[in-house]
């Protein structure tokens, strides 16, 4: 990815990977907390909303999977 302004990074990630914008914002915030070695807020670690899932993916350095794709894969596994 080319150099992107910090404020635009979440928008670019959302468009590039098909993530909801709130998930992408959480991902960027999680990366910032990890890189600055800051303790994450409790609500971001235990929350089940899109922002929290994105935050954990960024904080723990994991790729956030497209939620629609994850649901389809889970449905395929159930059959």
C-alpha atoms as a PDB file:
ATOM      1  CA  UNK A   1       0.000   0.000   0.000  1.00  0.00           C
ATOM      2  CA  UNK A   2       1.314   3.431  -0.842  1.00  0.00           C
ATOM      3  CA  UNK A   3       1.726   6.167   1.729  1.00  0.00           C
ATOM      4  CA  UNK A   4      -1.715   7.132   2.975  1.00  0.00           C
ATOM      5  CA  UNK A   5      -2.628   9.932   5.357  1.00  0.00           C
ATOM      6  CA  UNK A   6      -3.484   8.549   8.781  1.00  0.00           C
ATOM      7  CA  UNK A   7      -7.088   9.776   8.638  1.00  0.00           C
ATOM      8  CA  UNK A   8      -7.627   8.115   5.248  1.00  0.00           C
ATOM      9  CA  UNK A   9      -6.088   4.768   6.163  1.00  0.00           C
ATOM     10  CA  UNK A  10      -9.314   3.311   7.560  1.00  0.00           C
ATOM     11  CA  UNK A  11     -11.253   4.374   4.457  1.00  0.00           C
ATOM     12  CA  UNK A  12      -8.627   2.838   2.164  1.00  0.00           C
ATOM     13  CA  UNK A  13      -8.621  -0.441   4.136  1.00  0.00           C
ATOM     14  CA  UNK A  14     -12.423  -0.593   4.080  1.00  0.00           C
ATOM     15  CA  UNK A  15     -12.481  -0.150   0.300  1.00  0.00           C
ATOM     16  CA  UNK A  16      -9.528  -2.459  -0.363  1.00  0.00           C
ATOM     17  CA  UNK A  17     -10.728  -5.401   1.731  1.00  0.00           C
ATOM     18  CA  UNK A  18     -14.492  -4.846   1.776  1.00  0.00           C
ATOM     19  CA  UNK A  19     -14.602  -4.241   5.536  1.00  0.00           C
ATOM     20  CA  UNK A  20     -17.222  -2.050   7.214  1.00  0.00           C
ATOM     21  CA  UNK A  21     -15.770   1.397   7.905  1.00  0.00           C
ATOM     22  CA  UNK A  22     -16.194   0.956  11.670  1.00  0.00           C
ATOM     23  CA  UNK A  23     -14.148  -2.268  11.540  1.00  0.00           C
ATOM     24  CA  UNK A  24     -11.419  -0.521   9.573  1.00  0.00           C
ATOM     25  CA  UNK A  25     -11.336   2.362  12.072  1.00  0.00           C
ATOM     26  CA  UNK A  26     -10.997  -0.139  14.907  1.00  0.00           C
ATOM     27  CA  UNK A  27      -8.204  -1.925  13.035  1.00  0.00           C
ATOM     28  CA  UNK A  28      -6.235   1.310  12.610  1.00  0.00           C
ATOM     29  CA  UNK A  29      -6.758   2.244  16.262  1.00  0.00           C
ATOM     30  CA  UNK A  30      -5.623  -1.226  17.343  1.00  0.00           C
ATOM     31  CA  UNK A  31      -2.457  -0.905  15.268  1.00  0.00           C
ATOM     32  CA  UNK A  32      -1.698   2.435  16.901  1.00  0.00           C
ATOM     33  CA  UNK A  33      -2.160   1.014  20.402  1.00  0.00           C
ATOM     34  CA  UNK A  34       0.083  -1.964  19.561  1.00  0.00           C
ATOM     35  CA  UNK A  35       2.833   0.148  18.006  1.00  0.00           C
ATOM     36  CA  UNK A  36       2.815   2.566  20.939  1.00  0.00           C
ATOM     37  CA  UNK A  37       2.724  -0.371  23.388  1.00  0.00           C
ATOM     38  CA  UNK A  38      -0.338   1.072  25.082  1.00  0.00           C
ATOM     39  CA  UNK A  39      -2.779  -0.991  27.122  1.00  0.00           C
ATOM     40  CA  UNK A  40      -5.980  -1.475  25.081  1.00  0.00           C
ATOM     41  CA  UNK A  41      -9.309  -0.230  26.442  1.00  0.00           C
ATOM     42  CA  UNK A  42     -11.442  -2.970  27.997  1.00  0.00           C
ATOM     43  CA  UNK A  43     -14.446  -2.315  25.761  1.00  0.00           C
ATOM     44  CA  UNK A  44     -12.325  -2.932  22.649  1.00  0.00           C
ATOM     45  CA  UNK A  45     -11.042  -6.254  23.979  1.00  0.00           C
ATOM     46  CA  UNK A  46     -14.376  -7.704  25.116  1.00  0.00           C
ATOM     47  CA  UNK A  47     -16.805  -6.002  22.712  1.00  0.00           C
ATOM     48  CA  UNK A  48     -18.542  -7.907  19.919  1.00  0.00           C
ATOM     49  CA  UNK A  49     -19.300  -4.945  17.646  1.00  0.00           C
ATOM     50  CA  UNK A  50     -17.497  -4.243  14.344  1.00  0.00           C
ATOM     51  CA  UNK A  51     -15.192  -1.633  15.869  1.00  0.00           C
ATOM     52  CA  UNK A  52     -14.038  -3.992  18.638  1.00  0.00           C
ATOM     53  CA  UNK A  53     -13.415  -6.870  16.227  1.00  0.00           C
ATOM     54  CA  UNK A  54     -11.367  -4.549  14.031  1.00  0.00           C
ATOM     55  CA  UNK A  55      -9.482  -3.188  17.041  1.00  0.00           C
ATOM     56  CA  UNK A  56      -8.489  -6.683  18.172  1.00  0.00           C
ATOM     57  CA  UNK A  57      -7.353  -7.617  14.670  1.00  0.00           C
ATOM     58  CA  UNK A  58      -5.124  -4.527  14.524  1.00  0.00           C
ATOM     59  CA  UNK A  59      -3.886  -4.843  18.102  1.00  0.00           C
ATOM     60  CA  UNK A  60      -3.006  -8.529  17.864  1.00  0.00           C
ATOM     61  CA  UNK A  61      -1.609  -8.082  14.324  1.00  0.00           C
ATOM     62  CA  UNK A  62      -4.152 -10.290  12.586  1.00  0.00           C
ATOM     63  CA  UNK A  63      -5.897  -9.710   9.314  1.00  0.00           C
ATOM     64  CA  UNK A  64      -9.570  -8.875   9.688  1.00  0.00           C
ATOM     65  CA  UNK A  65     -11.620 -11.222   7.553  1.00  0.00           C
ATOM     66  CA  UNK A  66     -14.478  -9.848   5.487  1.00  0.00           C
ATOM     67  CA  UNK A  67     -17.535 -10.461   7.738  1.00  0.00           C
ATOM     68  CA  UNK A  68     -19.766 -11.558   4.837  1.00  0.00           C
ATOM     69  CA  UNK A  69     -17.150 -14.033   3.661  1.00  0.00           C
ATOM     70  CA  UNK A  70     -16.743 -15.396   7.184  1.00  0.00           C
ATOM     71  CA  UNK A  71     -20.499 -15.946   7.471  1.00  0.00           C
ATOM     72  CA  UNK A  72     -20.587 -17.753   4.114  1.00  0.00           C
ATOM     73  CA  UNK A  73     -17.665 -19.980   5.120  1.00  0.00           C
ATOM     74  CA  UNK A  74     -19.319 -20.788   8.424  1.00  0.00           C
ATOM     75  CA  UNK A  75     -22.519 -21.690   6.577  1.00  0.00           C
ATOM     76  CA  UNK A  76     -20.524 -23.978   4.262  1.00  0.00           C
ATOM     77  CA  UNK A  77     -18.953 -25.695   7.278  1.00  0.00           C
ATOM     78  CA  UNK A  78     -22.371 -26.324   8.831  1.00  0.00           C
ATOM     79  CA  UNK A  79     -23.542 -28.367   5.840  1.00  0.00           C
END
